[in-house]
């Protein structure tokens, strides 16, 4: 490492950044500010770290979240002191609840200015509370500090990276106080110094012999079972492993659209996605009640699947999750195992089970009836279905919160397309969805990326559009489902309470999003109805950043969806 003989803030910031790079960091999102100057310049000077500049901290946070989701690696965030820090909080909460690696690096005033009324100075120490895996307040740089202090700077960086990137991934906060001068000296010599940085390696938790034997015993004992794959299942070989496990046991897979299992070349007849249309609060499928439920990942998106899982009184409720994080809002888990999911499933021998075939027959009939209904009726879910049918095989697909993710959950038929599907379902907020999608696109510049979002969610993160051209990200397009307000509230009982419902919940906004497209230099296409949409989909709209706005009526959308679901439940 090069050790500049200059003001200590430059030395400490450079040491910190070099240690992060040595640990594996390759991307940082920087929101401009004065107090963070030492960090900003150190990151900019490092040849192995890609820098993304954002004018808004909240958008920067979600951009970093998206990139970390796509790469599986930590992404750093840098901001100045004061309220800038608080604007990272929404993305940080999502990262914590979705187990995504972020490094939040906040510049701060030195201790003598804290609690003094000094400008742009707030209490930043442990400001994020228990929403981070680790929080540390570094010492203020000193010119005469002992060498161990500099080693501490480097090791803190390495530890922060390792903590964020452990088995239980998540956000880490490092607060870095700096005194003026914040800029490097105009004249400075350099000399080589050797600072070792701890190398971190993340291992796996092998299943115990007892776990393997117990699971084998259960699948031999219970012919009727189901496998539930919720959001954020492990990546890598997990989809192939869980499909092989399904074949070995005869258990069907109820695959959430964000599980990484519903879409891909491994999909077969046992991978199911139509359950939201024929399960209800009180209606069970025409299949034996499972004696065992084996769960992976987070709580499923589907309301009715969760209701079904809560009411069945099974002998065994097994949740397997290597990161050790429980996700069971029904409080029905009987066994929680922390071990490598793929390794465990791979050690189970085949048994005879017939459960998957019964569910698969119901699934096939569901999709046949859904297709027939959508051929006859155009509403927002029809638009989503037509778009899915038009997409290339190799794609990043991001579903905005509120209605879009629910449409994919209910009407996204399992298929062999090699899509990577993302969504912010940790805290399920509508903030930052666009920024998350742009961050995902930044990680895979040669792979098309599509965000499907609603109008209120889109409005909530208009700032995120700036990053597209500002950071030269050309592989993203956006489908904007514009139903004129918060259409999802039509599903709730409060919809019957006019005149309060429309202004307080549905919130019609009457916004013309063509102006947003023009402001940020993006192409814009607006469509009304099936014919317009089919014409647009036949164009090259995915080849450049485009907003494809689909106009629908929220009340008609919900009524047609209910008609479809009612028909399915009556006939199935």
Protein backbone atom coordinates (compact mmCIF):
# COMPACT_ATOMS: atom_id res chain seq x y z
CA UNK A 1 0.00 0.00 0.00
CA UNK A 2 1.18 3.57 -0.67
CA UNK A 3 1.31 5.65 2.50
CA UNK A 4 1.06 9.37 1.68
CA UNK A 5 2.99 11.69 4.00
CA UNK A 6 0.23 14.26 4.25
CA UNK A 7 -2.71 15.19 6.41
CA UNK A 8 -3.98 12.22 8.44
CA UNK A 9 -7.52 12.24 7.05
CA UNK A 10 -6.20 11.34 3.60
CA UNK A 11 -3.98 8.62 5.04
CA UNK A 12 -6.77 7.04 7.07
CA UNK A 13 -9.34 7.23 4.30
CA UNK A 14 -6.91 5.76 1.77
CA UNK A 15 -5.96 2.98 4.18
CA UNK A 16 -9.61 2.18 4.81
CA UNK A 17 -10.50 2.07 1.10
CA UNK A 18 -7.47 -0.05 0.18
CA UNK A 19 -8.39 -2.54 2.89
CA UNK A 20 -11.94 -2.77 1.56
CA UNK A 21 -10.63 -3.43 -1.94
CA UNK A 22 -8.26 -6.08 -0.60
CA UNK A 23 -11.25 -7.73 1.06
CA UNK A 24 -13.15 -7.89 -2.23
CA UNK A 25 -15.13 -4.64 -2.54
CA UNK A 26 -15.53 -3.59 -6.17
CA UNK A 27 -18.36 -1.01 -6.16
CA UNK A 28 -19.33 2.09 -4.20
CA UNK A 29 -22.23 4.55 -4.42
CA UNK A 30 -21.28 8.09 -3.44
CA UNK A 31 -23.60 10.95 -2.58
CA UNK A 32 -21.58 14.18 -2.84
CA UNK A 33 -20.78 16.12 0.32
CA UNK A 34 -17.97 18.03 1.99
CA UNK A 35 -17.24 16.04 5.14
CA UNK A 36 -16.92 12.81 3.14
CA UNK A 37 -14.25 14.32 0.85
CA UNK A 38 -11.42 12.04 2.10
CA UNK A 39 -13.45 8.90 1.40
CA UNK A 40 -14.75 10.16 -1.94
CA UNK A 41 -11.28 10.96 -3.25
CA UNK A 42 -9.85 7.68 -1.95
CA UNK A 43 -12.54 5.64 -3.69
CA UNK A 44 -12.18 7.65 -6.89
CA UNK A 45 -8.43 7.00 -6.93
CA UNK A 46 -8.69 3.25 -6.47
CA UNK A 47 -8.43 1.39 -9.80
CA UNK A 48 -10.37 -1.71 -8.71
CA UNK A 49 -13.51 -0.05 -7.35
CA UNK A 50 -16.28 1.17 -9.64
CA UNK A 51 -17.79 4.48 -8.52
CA UNK A 52 -21.45 5.42 -9.00
CA UNK A 53 -22.38 9.00 -8.13
CA UNK A 54 -25.91 9.80 -6.91
CA UNK A 55 -27.41 13.18 -6.08
CA UNK A 56 -29.91 11.68 -3.63
CA UNK A 57 -28.92 9.47 -0.69
CA UNK A 58 -32.18 7.54 -0.55
CA UNK A 59 -31.89 6.59 -4.21
CA UNK A 60 -28.21 5.75 -3.75
CA UNK A 61 -29.09 3.38 -0.93
CA UNK A 62 -31.55 1.40 -3.01
CA UNK A 63 -29.24 1.41 -6.05
CA UNK A 64 -26.56 -0.18 -3.87
CA UNK A 65 -29.12 -2.64 -2.55
CA UNK A 66 -30.03 -3.67 -6.10
CA UNK A 67 -26.44 -4.14 -7.16
CA UNK A 68 -25.72 -6.21 -4.05
CA UNK A 69 -28.81 -8.33 -4.78
CA UNK A 70 -27.58 -9.01 -8.30
CA UNK A 71 -23.94 -9.74 -7.41
CA UNK A 72 -24.33 -11.33 -3.99
CA UNK A 73 -21.43 -9.14 -2.84
CA UNK A 74 -21.28 -6.11 -0.53
CA UNK A 75 -21.62 -2.66 -2.05
CA UNK A 76 -20.42 0.43 -0.18
CA UNK A 77 -22.34 3.67 0.39
CA UNK A 78 -20.72 7.00 1.21
CA UNK A 79 -22.38 10.19 2.44
CA UNK A 80 -21.59 13.35 4.35
CA UNK A 81 -22.72 14.13 7.89
CA UNK A 82 -26.16 15.20 9.07
CA UNK A 83 -29.54 14.21 7.67
CA UNK A 84 -27.82 12.69 4.63
CA UNK A 85 -27.13 9.70 6.88
CA UNK A 86 -30.81 9.21 7.71
CA UNK A 87 -31.72 9.01 4.02
CA UNK A 88 -29.88 5.67 3.80
CA UNK A 89 -32.22 4.21 6.42
CA UNK A 90 -35.04 2.85 4.17
CA UNK A 91 -32.62 0.88 1.99
CA UNK A 92 -30.72 -0.27 5.05
CA UNK A 93 -33.91 -1.64 6.63
CA UNK A 94 -34.71 -3.54 3.44
CA UNK A 95 -31.16 -4.89 3.33
CA UNK A 96 -31.41 -6.07 6.92
CA UNK A 97 -34.74 -7.81 6.42
CA UNK A 98 -33.76 -9.33 3.06
CA UNK A 99 -30.22 -10.23 4.18
CA UNK A 100 -28.36 -8.17 1.59
CA UNK A 101 -24.76 -7.02 2.11
CA UNK A 102 -24.28 -3.25 2.38
CA UNK A 103 -21.44 -1.19 3.84
CA UNK A 104 -22.73 2.17 5.05
CA UNK A 105 -19.82 4.60 5.43
CA UNK A 106 -20.92 7.88 6.99
CA UNK A 107 -18.58 10.82 7.38
CA UNK A 108 -18.94 12.71 10.65
CA UNK A 109 -17.71 15.76 12.50
CA UNK A 110 -14.96 15.13 15.08
CA UNK A 111 -16.01 14.44 18.70
CA UNK A 112 -15.43 18.01 19.89
CA UNK A 113 -18.17 19.25 17.54
CA UNK A 114 -20.78 16.70 18.54
CA UNK A 115 -23.60 17.86 20.84
CA UNK A 116 -22.32 21.41 20.44
CA UNK A 117 -24.80 22.91 18.01
CA UNK A 118 -22.24 22.81 15.21
CA UNK A 119 -23.64 23.03 11.69
CA UNK A 120 -24.77 19.82 9.97
CA UNK A 121 -23.90 17.76 13.02
CA UNK A 122 -26.21 15.11 14.46
CA UNK A 123 -25.62 12.07 16.65
CA UNK A 124 -24.60 9.45 14.10
CA UNK A 125 -23.11 6.89 16.49
CA UNK A 126 -25.22 3.72 16.28
CA UNK A 127 -27.91 5.77 14.54
CA UNK A 128 -29.26 2.67 12.78
CA UNK A 129 -29.83 0.74 16.00
CA UNK A 130 -30.41 -2.99 15.61
CA UNK A 131 -31.03 -2.73 11.86
CA UNK A 132 -27.33 -3.38 11.21
CA UNK A 133 -25.21 -6.43 11.95
CA UNK A 134 -22.40 -4.29 13.34
CA UNK A 135 -21.87 -0.59 13.98
CA UNK A 136 -18.56 1.05 14.83
CA UNK A 137 -17.39 4.62 15.35
CA UNK A 138 -13.78 4.91 14.17
CA UNK A 139 -11.27 7.10 15.94
CA UNK A 140 -10.57 10.52 14.47
CA UNK A 141 -7.41 10.55 12.31
CA UNK A 142 -4.29 11.83 14.08
CA UNK A 143 -0.94 12.75 12.62
CA UNK A 144 0.99 11.24 15.53
CA UNK A 145 -1.10 8.11 15.94
CA UNK A 146 0.80 4.85 16.60
CA UNK A 147 1.02 2.30 13.82
CA UNK A 148 -1.47 0.06 15.60
CA UNK A 149 -4.08 2.78 15.06
CA UNK A 150 -3.56 2.57 11.31
CA UNK A 151 -3.70 -1.20 11.47
CA UNK A 152 -7.00 -0.83 13.32
CA UNK A 153 -8.36 1.26 10.43
CA UNK A 154 -7.45 -1.47 7.94
CA UNK A 155 -8.74 -4.31 10.08
CA UNK A 156 -11.99 -2.47 10.79
CA UNK A 157 -12.56 -2.25 7.04
CA UNK A 158 -11.81 -5.95 6.61
CA UNK A 159 -14.06 -6.88 9.53
CA UNK A 160 -16.89 -4.72 8.22
CA UNK A 161 -16.71 -6.42 4.82
CA UNK A 162 -16.55 -9.89 6.37
CA UNK A 163 -19.47 -9.21 8.70
CA UNK A 164 -21.67 -7.92 5.89
CA UNK A 165 -20.74 -10.92 3.76
CA UNK A 166 -21.13 -13.69 6.33
CA UNK A 167 -23.57 -16.58 6.37
CA UNK A 168 -26.17 -14.14 7.62
CA UNK A 169 -25.59 -11.31 5.17
CA UNK A 170 -26.74 -7.79 5.91
CA UNK A 171 -25.78 -4.14 6.41
CA UNK A 172 -22.83 -2.85 8.45
CA UNK A 173 -22.32 0.77 9.53
CA UNK A 174 -18.94 2.45 9.92
CA UNK A 175 -18.98 6.06 11.12
CA UNK A 176 -15.81 7.97 10.21
CA UNK A 177 -15.15 11.34 11.89
CA UNK A 178 -12.82 13.72 10.04
CA UNK A 179 -11.24 17.04 11.02
CA UNK A 180 -10.33 19.71 8.52
CA UNK A 181 -8.41 19.96 6.27
CA UNK A 182 -10.36 17.33 4.36
CA UNK A 183 -8.41 17.55 1.09
CA UNK A 184 -4.94 16.12 0.38
CA UNK A 185 -1.93 18.40 0.71
CA UNK A 186 -0.92 20.02 -2.54
CA UNK A 187 2.55 18.56 -2.22
CA UNK A 188 2.99 15.13 -0.73
CA UNK A 189 5.54 12.39 -0.99
CA UNK A 190 4.64 8.74 -0.74
CA UNK A 191 6.33 5.71 0.68
CA UNK A 192 5.52 2.04 0.69
CA UNK A 193 4.17 0.56 3.88
CA UNK A 194 3.03 -2.97 4.57
CA UNK A 195 -0.35 -3.34 6.23
CA UNK A 196 -1.71 -6.85 6.34
CA UNK A 197 -5.46 -7.23 6.04
CA UNK A 198 -7.30 -10.22 7.44
CA UNK A 199 -8.69 -12.43 4.69
CA UNK A 200 -12.23 -13.68 5.19
CA UNK A 201 -13.62 -16.91 3.84
CA UNK A 202 -17.27 -17.84 4.25
CA UNK A 203 -17.80 -21.54 4.81
CA UNK A 204 -20.89 -23.73 4.88
CA UNK A 205 -22.67 -25.48 7.73
CA UNK A 206 -22.74 -29.14 6.82
CA UNK A 207 -25.87 -31.04 7.87
CA UNK A 208 -25.35 -33.39 10.76
CA UNK A 209 -25.77 -37.12 10.42
CA UNK A 210 -28.76 -36.83 12.73
CA UNK A 211 -30.45 -34.26 10.49
CA UNK A 212 -29.94 -36.39 7.40
CA UNK A 213 -31.26 -39.49 9.15
CA UNK A 214 -34.28 -37.65 10.55
CA UNK A 215 -35.24 -36.13 7.20
CA UNK A 216 -34.86 -39.51 5.50
CA UNK A 217 -37.10 -41.05 8.14
CA UNK A 218 -39.77 -38.39 7.67
CA UNK A 219 -39.94 -38.65 3.89
CA UNK A 220 -40.16 -42.43 4.16
CA UNK A 221 -42.91 -42.15 6.77
CA UNK A 222 -44.98 -39.38 5.15
CA UNK A 223 -46.19 -39.96 1.60
CA UNK A 224 -48.08 -36.64 1.60
CA UNK A 225 -45.94 -33.53 1.91
CA UNK A 226 -45.25 -30.16 0.32
CA UNK A 227 -42.12 -28.12 -0.25
CA UNK A 228 -42.57 -24.35 0.11
CA UNK A 229 -39.93 -22.09 -1.45
CA UNK A 230 -40.42 -18.51 -0.32
CA UNK A 231 -38.50 -15.40 -1.41
CA UNK A 232 -34.72 -15.27 -1.06
CA UNK A 233 -33.99 -18.97 -1.24
CA UNK A 234 -30.29 -19.73 -1.69
CA UNK A 235 -28.93 -19.19 -5.17
CA UNK A 236 -26.36 -21.33 -6.92
CA UNK A 237 -27.40 -24.96 -7.22
CA UNK A 238 -30.43 -24.66 -4.93
CA UNK A 239 -33.12 -24.69 -7.67
CA UNK A 240 -31.76 -27.86 -9.24
CA UNK A 241 -31.32 -29.44 -5.81
CA UNK A 242 -34.85 -28.72 -4.62
CA UNK A 243 -36.34 -30.03 -7.89
CA UNK A 244 -34.30 -33.22 -7.49
CA UNK A 245 -35.48 -33.45 -3.87
CA UNK A 246 -39.07 -33.08 -5.07
CA UNK A 247 -38.56 -35.90 -7.54
CA UNK A 248 -37.03 -38.07 -4.82
CA UNK A 249 -39.88 -37.52 -2.36
CA UNK A 250 -42.88 -37.00 -4.63
CA UNK A 251 -43.61 -33.71 -2.85
CA UNK A 252 -44.77 -30.74 -4.99
CA UNK A 253 -42.93 -27.42 -4.81
CA UNK A 254 -45.03 -24.33 -4.11
CA UNK A 255 -42.62 -21.80 -5.59
CA UNK A 256 -42.83 -18.10 -4.82
CA UNK A 257 -41.94 -15.92 -7.83
CA UNK A 258 -39.00 -14.49 -5.84
CA UNK A 259 -37.69 -17.89 -4.75
CA UNK A 260 -35.42 -18.39 -7.74
CA UNK A 261 -37.23 -21.68 -8.42
CA UNK A 262 -40.41 -20.78 -10.36
CA UNK A 263 -38.55 -19.72 -13.50
CA UNK A 264 -35.60 -21.59 -15.00
CA UNK A 265 -34.56 -24.59 -17.09
CA UNK A 266 -35.12 -26.93 -14.11
CA UNK A 267 -38.89 -26.30 -14.03
CA UNK A 268 -41.04 -29.41 -14.33
CA UNK A 269 -44.65 -30.33 -13.56
CA UNK A 270 -44.00 -30.41 -9.82
CA UNK A 271 -42.99 -26.72 -9.68
CA UNK A 272 -46.27 -24.96 -8.96
CA UNK A 273 -47.24 -21.28 -9.06
CA UNK A 274 -51.01 -21.13 -9.49
CA UNK A 275 -52.00 -21.74 -5.88
CA UNK A 276 -53.05 -18.13 -5.17
CA UNK A 277 -55.95 -18.51 -7.60
CA UNK A 278 -57.55 -21.58 -6.07
CA UNK A 279 -56.63 -21.41 -2.40
CA UNK A 280 -58.86 -19.27 -0.20
CA UNK A 281 -59.08 -18.53 3.48
CA UNK A 282 -61.20 -21.66 3.95
CA UNK A 283 -60.74 -23.72 0.78
CA UNK A 284 -58.11 -26.45 0.55
CA UNK A 285 -56.85 -28.09 -2.65
CA UNK A 286 -58.37 -31.44 -3.66
CA UNK A 287 -55.27 -33.26 -2.42
CA UNK A 288 -54.36 -35.03 0.83
CA UNK A 289 -53.54 -32.76 3.76
CA UNK A 290 -49.73 -32.72 4.02
CA UNK A 291 -48.20 -34.63 6.89
CA UNK A 292 -45.00 -32.63 6.48
CA UNK A 293 -44.29 -29.10 5.26
CA UNK A 294 -40.66 -28.35 4.34
CA UNK A 295 -39.92 -24.65 4.02
CA UNK A 296 -37.03 -22.71 2.52
CA UNK A 297 -36.45 -18.95 2.36
CA UNK A 298 -38.68 -16.18 3.67
CA UNK A 299 -42.43 -16.05 4.25
CA UNK A 300 -44.22 -16.50 0.88
CA UNK A 301 -45.80 -13.54 -0.91
CA UNK A 302 -49.16 -15.29 -1.36
CA UNK A 303 -51.82 -14.36 1.18
CA UNK A 304 -53.83 -17.50 0.58
CA UNK A 305 -50.85 -19.84 0.62
CA UNK A 306 -49.87 -18.46 4.01
CA UNK A 307 -53.45 -18.89 5.24
CA UNK A 308 -53.46 -22.50 4.01
CA UNK A 309 -50.14 -23.28 5.69
CA UNK A 310 -51.34 -21.75 8.93
CA UNK A 311 -54.51 -23.78 9.20
CA UNK A 312 -53.23 -27.25 8.29
CA UNK A 313 -52.38 -29.30 11.37
CA UNK A 314 -49.38 -31.27 10.15
CA UNK A 315 -47.20 -33.66 12.07
CA UNK A 316 -44.00 -31.85 11.06
CA UNK A 317 -43.24 -28.24 10.07
CA UNK A 318 -39.56 -28.10 9.10
CA UNK A 319 -37.82 -24.82 8.23
CA UNK A 320 -34.30 -25.13 6.82
CA UNK A 321 -32.16 -22.01 6.53
CA UNK A 322 -28.38 -21.89 6.61
CA UNK A 323 -28.23 -18.21 7.60
CA UNK A 324 -30.09 -19.01 10.81
CA UNK A 325 -32.86 -16.42 10.35
CA UNK A 326 -36.34 -17.62 11.31
CA UNK A 327 -39.22 -16.58 9.05
CA UNK A 328 -42.50 -17.95 10.39
CA UNK A 329 -45.28 -15.43 11.00
CA UNK A 330 -47.77 -18.25 11.69
CA UNK A 331 -45.60 -19.58 14.56
CA UNK A 332 -46.14 -23.13 13.31
CA UNK A 333 -42.54 -24.30 12.93
CA UNK A 334 -41.84 -27.52 14.81
CA UNK A 335 -38.21 -27.92 13.70
CA UNK A 336 -35.72 -25.24 12.59
CA UNK A 337 -32.45 -26.48 11.12
CA UNK A 338 -29.46 -24.28 10.34
CA UNK A 339 -27.44 -26.11 7.74
CA UNK A 340 -26.53 -26.14 4.05
CA UNK A 341 -29.84 -26.69 2.28
CA UNK A 342 -28.34 -28.16 -0.88
CA UNK A 343 -26.07 -30.57 0.98
CA UNK A 344 -28.95 -31.79 3.14
CA UNK A 345 -31.34 -32.46 0.25
CA UNK A 346 -28.61 -34.19 -1.72
CA UNK A 347 -28.26 -36.89 0.93
CA UNK A 348 -31.91 -37.99 0.89
CA UNK A 349 -32.61 -41.23 -0.96
CA UNK A 350 -35.61 -41.63 -3.24
CA UNK A 351 -38.91 -42.81 -1.82
CA UNK A 352 -42.35 -43.35 -3.33
CA UNK A 353 -44.78 -40.45 -3.14
CA UNK A 354 -47.79 -39.44 -5.24
CA UNK A 355 -48.54 -35.97 -3.90
CA UNK A 356 -46.98 -33.99 -6.73
CA UNK A 357 -49.15 -35.52 -9.46
CA UNK A 358 -52.39 -34.52 -7.72
CA UNK A 359 -51.29 -30.92 -7.33
CA UNK A 360 -49.83 -30.81 -10.85
CA UNK A 361 -53.15 -31.74 -12.43
CA UNK A 362 -54.85 -28.88 -10.60
CA UNK A 363 -52.04 -26.56 -11.67
CA UNK A 364 -52.37 -27.44 -15.35
CA UNK A 365 -56.10 -26.83 -15.35
CA UNK A 366 -55.60 -23.52 -13.55
CA UNK A 367 -53.29 -22.13 -16.23
CA UNK A 368 -55.54 -23.33 -19.03
CA UNK A 369 -58.51 -21.47 -17.55
CA UNK A 370 -56.44 -18.36 -16.79
CA UNK A 371 -55.25 -18.18 -20.41
CA UNK A 372 -58.80 -18.57 -21.70
CA UNK A 373 -60.10 -15.78 -19.47
CA UNK A 374 -57.27 -13.42 -20.41
CA UNK A 375 -57.87 -14.05 -24.10
CA UNK A 376 -61.36 -12.66 -23.56
CA UNK A 377 -60.64 -9.84 -21.08
CA UNK A 378 -57.95 -7.16 -20.98
CA UNK A 379 -56.96 -5.75 -17.59
CA UNK A 380 -53.69 -5.05 -15.80
CA UNK A 381 -52.96 -8.72 -15.05
CA UNK A 382 -53.55 -9.55 -18.74
CA UNK A 383 -50.96 -6.92 -19.61
CA UNK A 384 -48.44 -8.52 -17.25
CA UNK A 385 -49.13 -11.94 -18.77
CA UNK A 386 -48.66 -10.66 -22.33
CA UNK A 387 -45.41 -8.96 -21.33
CA UNK A 388 -44.07 -12.14 -19.71
CA UNK A 389 -44.85 -14.10 -22.87
CA UNK A 390 -42.87 -11.59 -24.96
CA UNK A 391 -39.69 -11.48 -22.89
CA UNK A 392 -36.35 -12.98 -23.92
CA UNK A 393 -35.01 -16.01 -22.11
CA UNK A 394 -32.06 -14.24 -20.45
CA UNK A 395 -33.40 -11.34 -18.36
CA UNK A 396 -33.41 -9.58 -15.00
CA UNK A 397 -37.04 -9.05 -13.95
CA UNK A 398 -37.83 -6.73 -11.04
CA UNK A 399 -41.36 -6.57 -9.70
CA UNK A 400 -42.47 -3.43 -7.90
CA UNK A 401 -44.28 -3.77 -4.62
CA UNK A 402 -48.05 -3.40 -4.26
CA UNK A 403 -49.91 -4.91 -7.26
CA UNK A 404 -47.11 -5.96 -9.69
CA UNK A 405 -45.50 -8.56 -7.42
CA UNK A 406 -48.95 -9.90 -6.54
CA UNK A 407 -49.81 -10.22 -10.23
CA UNK A 408 -46.62 -12.18 -10.87
CA UNK A 409 -47.35 -14.34 -7.84
CA UNK A 410 -50.90 -15.09 -8.99
CA UNK A 411 -50.52 -15.14 -12.77
CA UNK A 412 -46.82 -15.84 -13.38
CA UNK A 413 -46.91 -19.36 -14.79
CA UNK A 414 -43.78 -21.44 -14.05
CA UNK A 415 -41.66 -21.66 -17.18
CA UNK A 416 -38.18 -22.61 -18.28
CA UNK A 417 -37.04 -19.05 -19.02
CA UNK A 418 -33.73 -18.29 -17.32
CA UNK A 419 -35.01 -15.17 -15.61
CA UNK A 420 -33.57 -13.74 -12.41
CA UNK A 421 -36.53 -12.28 -10.56
CA UNK A 422 -36.10 -9.66 -7.84
CA UNK A 423 -38.30 -7.67 -5.48
CA UNK A 424 -37.93 -5.77 -2.23
CA UNK A 425 -40.03 -8.04 -0.02
CA UNK A 426 -38.05 -7.69 3.20
CA UNK A 427 -40.04 -4.68 4.37
CA UNK A 428 -42.23 -4.57 1.22
CA UNK A 429 -42.09 -0.79 0.87
CA UNK A 430 -42.85 1.10 -2.32
CA UNK A 431 -39.84 3.36 -1.79
CA UNK A 432 -36.73 2.84 -3.89
CA UNK A 433 -38.08 0.21 -6.28
CA UNK A 434 -36.84 2.02 -9.39
CA UNK A 435 -33.42 2.67 -7.87
CA UNK A 436 -33.15 -1.00 -6.90
CA UNK A 437 -33.86 -2.03 -10.49
CA UNK A 438 -31.26 0.38 -11.88
CA UNK A 439 -28.71 -0.99 -9.42
CA UNK A 440 -29.46 -4.52 -10.58
CA UNK A 441 -29.02 -3.44 -14.20
CA UNK A 442 -25.64 -1.87 -13.38
CA UNK A 443 -24.30 -5.26 -12.29
CA UNK A 444 -25.12 -7.00 -15.59
CA UNK A 445 -24.62 -4.48 -18.42
CA UNK A 446 -24.97 -7.12 -21.15
CA UNK A 447 -28.21 -8.56 -19.80
CA UNK A 448 -31.56 -6.77 -20.33
CA UNK A 449 -33.33 -5.64 -17.18
CA UNK A 450 -37.04 -4.94 -16.85
CA UNK A 451 -38.87 -3.28 -13.98
CA UNK A 452 -42.65 -3.75 -13.79
CA UNK A 453 -44.03 -1.16 -11.39
CA UNK A 454 -47.20 0.66 -10.44
CA UNK A 455 -47.85 4.38 -10.81
CA UNK A 456 -47.68 5.31 -7.11
CA UNK A 457 -44.52 3.25 -6.61
CA UNK A 458 -43.02 4.85 -9.71
CA UNK A 459 -43.87 8.35 -8.50
CA UNK A 460 -42.38 7.60 -5.09
CA UNK A 461 -38.92 7.03 -6.60
CA UNK A 462 -38.76 9.39 -9.57
CA UNK A 463 -35.31 10.47 -8.37
CA UNK A 464 -34.07 6.98 -9.20
CA UNK A 465 -34.43 7.66 -12.92
CA UNK A 466 -31.50 10.07 -12.85
CA UNK A 467 -29.02 7.24 -12.29
CA UNK A 468 -29.86 5.67 -15.66
CA UNK A 469 -28.17 8.25 -17.86
CA UNK A 470 -26.02 9.81 -15.13
CA UNK A 471 -24.22 6.49 -14.65
CA UNK A 472 -24.51 5.33 -18.28
CA UNK A 473 -26.79 2.36 -17.60
CA UNK A 474 -28.41 1.48 -20.91
CA UNK A 475 -29.86 -2.00 -20.32
CA UNK A 476 -33.00 -1.15 -18.34
CA UNK A 477 -36.61 -0.57 -19.36
CA UNK A 478 -39.69 0.06 -17.24
CA UNK A 479 -43.27 -1.12 -17.57
CA UNK A 480 -45.47 1.39 -15.77
CA UNK A 481 -48.90 0.04 -14.85
CA UNK A 482 -50.85 3.27 -14.46
CA UNK A 483 -54.27 2.67 -12.93
CA UNK A 484 -54.55 6.22 -11.61
CA UNK A 485 -53.73 5.71 -7.94
CA UNK A 486 -53.48 3.12 -5.20
CA UNK A 487 -55.53 0.42 -6.89
CA UNK A 488 -54.42 -2.24 -4.43
CA UNK A 489 -56.67 -0.68 -1.78
CA UNK A 490 -59.67 -1.84 -3.84
CA UNK A 491 -58.92 -5.28 -2.41
CA UNK A 492 -59.46 -4.15 1.19
CA UNK A 493 -62.71 -3.74 3.15
CA UNK A 494 -62.04 -0.01 3.47
CA UNK A 495 -62.97 0.29 -0.23
CA UNK A 496 -66.60 0.18 0.87
CA UNK A 497 -66.21 3.34 2.95
CA UNK A 498 -66.76 6.25 0.60
CA UNK A 499 -66.46 9.20 0.52
CA UNK A 500 -63.31 8.74 2.62
CA UNK A 501 -61.86 5.87 0.58
CA UNK A 502 -60.96 7.62 -2.67
CA UNK A 503 -59.11 10.70 -1.36
CA UNK A 504 -57.48 8.98 1.63
CA UNK A 505 -56.53 5.56 0.24
CA UNK A 506 -56.87 5.35 -3.54
CA UNK A 507 -55.35 8.85 -3.87
CA UNK A 508 -55.89 9.69 -7.56
CA UNK A 509 -52.91 11.77 -8.69
CA UNK A 510 -53.63 12.75 -12.34
CA UNK A 511 -49.91 12.83 -13.12
CA UNK A 512 -48.65 12.86 -16.71
CA UNK A 513 -45.52 10.73 -16.66
CA UNK A 514 -44.45 11.81 -20.15
CA UNK A 515 -42.90 14.80 -18.42
CA UNK A 516 -40.85 12.55 -16.14
CA UNK A 517 -39.53 10.63 -19.14
CA UNK A 518 -38.56 13.88 -20.87
CA UNK A 519 -36.94 15.27 -17.71
CA UNK A 520 -34.61 12.29 -17.40
CA UNK A 521 -34.05 11.74 -21.13
CA UNK A 522 -35.90 8.44 -21.48
CA UNK A 523 -38.08 7.11 -24.28
CA UNK A 524 -41.78 6.89 -23.47
CA UNK A 525 -44.60 4.86 -25.01
CA UNK A 526 -48.19 5.00 -23.74
CA UNK A 527 -50.66 2.26 -24.61
CA UNK A 528 -54.40 1.75 -24.17
CA UNK A 529 -55.66 -1.80 -24.53
CA UNK A 530 -54.48 -5.10 -25.97
CA UNK A 531 -53.82 -4.02 -29.56
CA UNK A 532 -51.67 -1.05 -28.52
CA UNK A 533 -49.70 -3.23 -26.13
CA UNK A 534 -49.07 -5.96 -28.68
CA UNK A 535 -47.80 -3.35 -31.15
CA UNK A 536 -45.44 -1.92 -28.53
CA UNK A 537 -44.16 -5.34 -27.51
CA UNK A 538 -43.35 -6.14 -31.13
CA UNK A 539 -40.98 -3.14 -31.28
CA UNK A 540 -37.40 -2.91 -30.01
CA UNK A 541 -38.43 -1.16 -26.78
CA UNK A 542 -36.15 -3.34 -24.65
CA UNK A 543 -33.07 -2.24 -26.59
CA UNK A 544 -32.86 1.17 -24.89
CA UNK A 545 -34.13 2.75 -21.66
CA UNK A 546 -37.87 3.06 -22.23
CA UNK A 547 -40.92 3.70 -20.08
CA UNK A 548 -43.79 1.61 -21.43
CA UNK A 549 -46.87 3.08 -19.74
CA UNK A 550 -50.01 0.95 -19.74
CA UNK A 551 -53.22 2.78 -18.88
CA UNK A 552 -55.90 0.79 -17.05
CA UNK A 553 -58.87 1.40 -14.76
CA UNK A 554 -58.23 0.22 -11.20
CA UNK A 555 -61.85 -0.65 -10.40
CA UNK A 556 -62.29 -2.66 -13.60
CA UNK A 557 -58.92 -4.35 -13.04
CA UNK A 558 -59.95 -5.57 -9.61
CA UNK A 559 -63.43 -6.63 -10.68
CA UNK A 560 -62.09 -8.73 -13.55
CA UNK A 561 -59.47 -10.31 -11.30
CA UNK A 562 -62.19 -11.26 -8.83
CA UNK A 563 -64.34 -12.67 -11.63
CA UNK A 564 -61.45 -14.83 -12.79
CA UNK A 565 -60.65 -16.10 -9.31
CA UNK A 566 -64.30 -16.84 -8.60
CA UNK A 567 -64.61 -18.88 -11.78
CA UNK A 568 -61.45 -20.80 -10.98
CA UNK A 569 -62.54 -21.65 -7.47
CA UNK A 570 -66.00 -22.71 -8.58
CA UNK A 571 -64.73 -24.99 -11.33
CA UNK A 572 -61.67 -26.40 -9.61
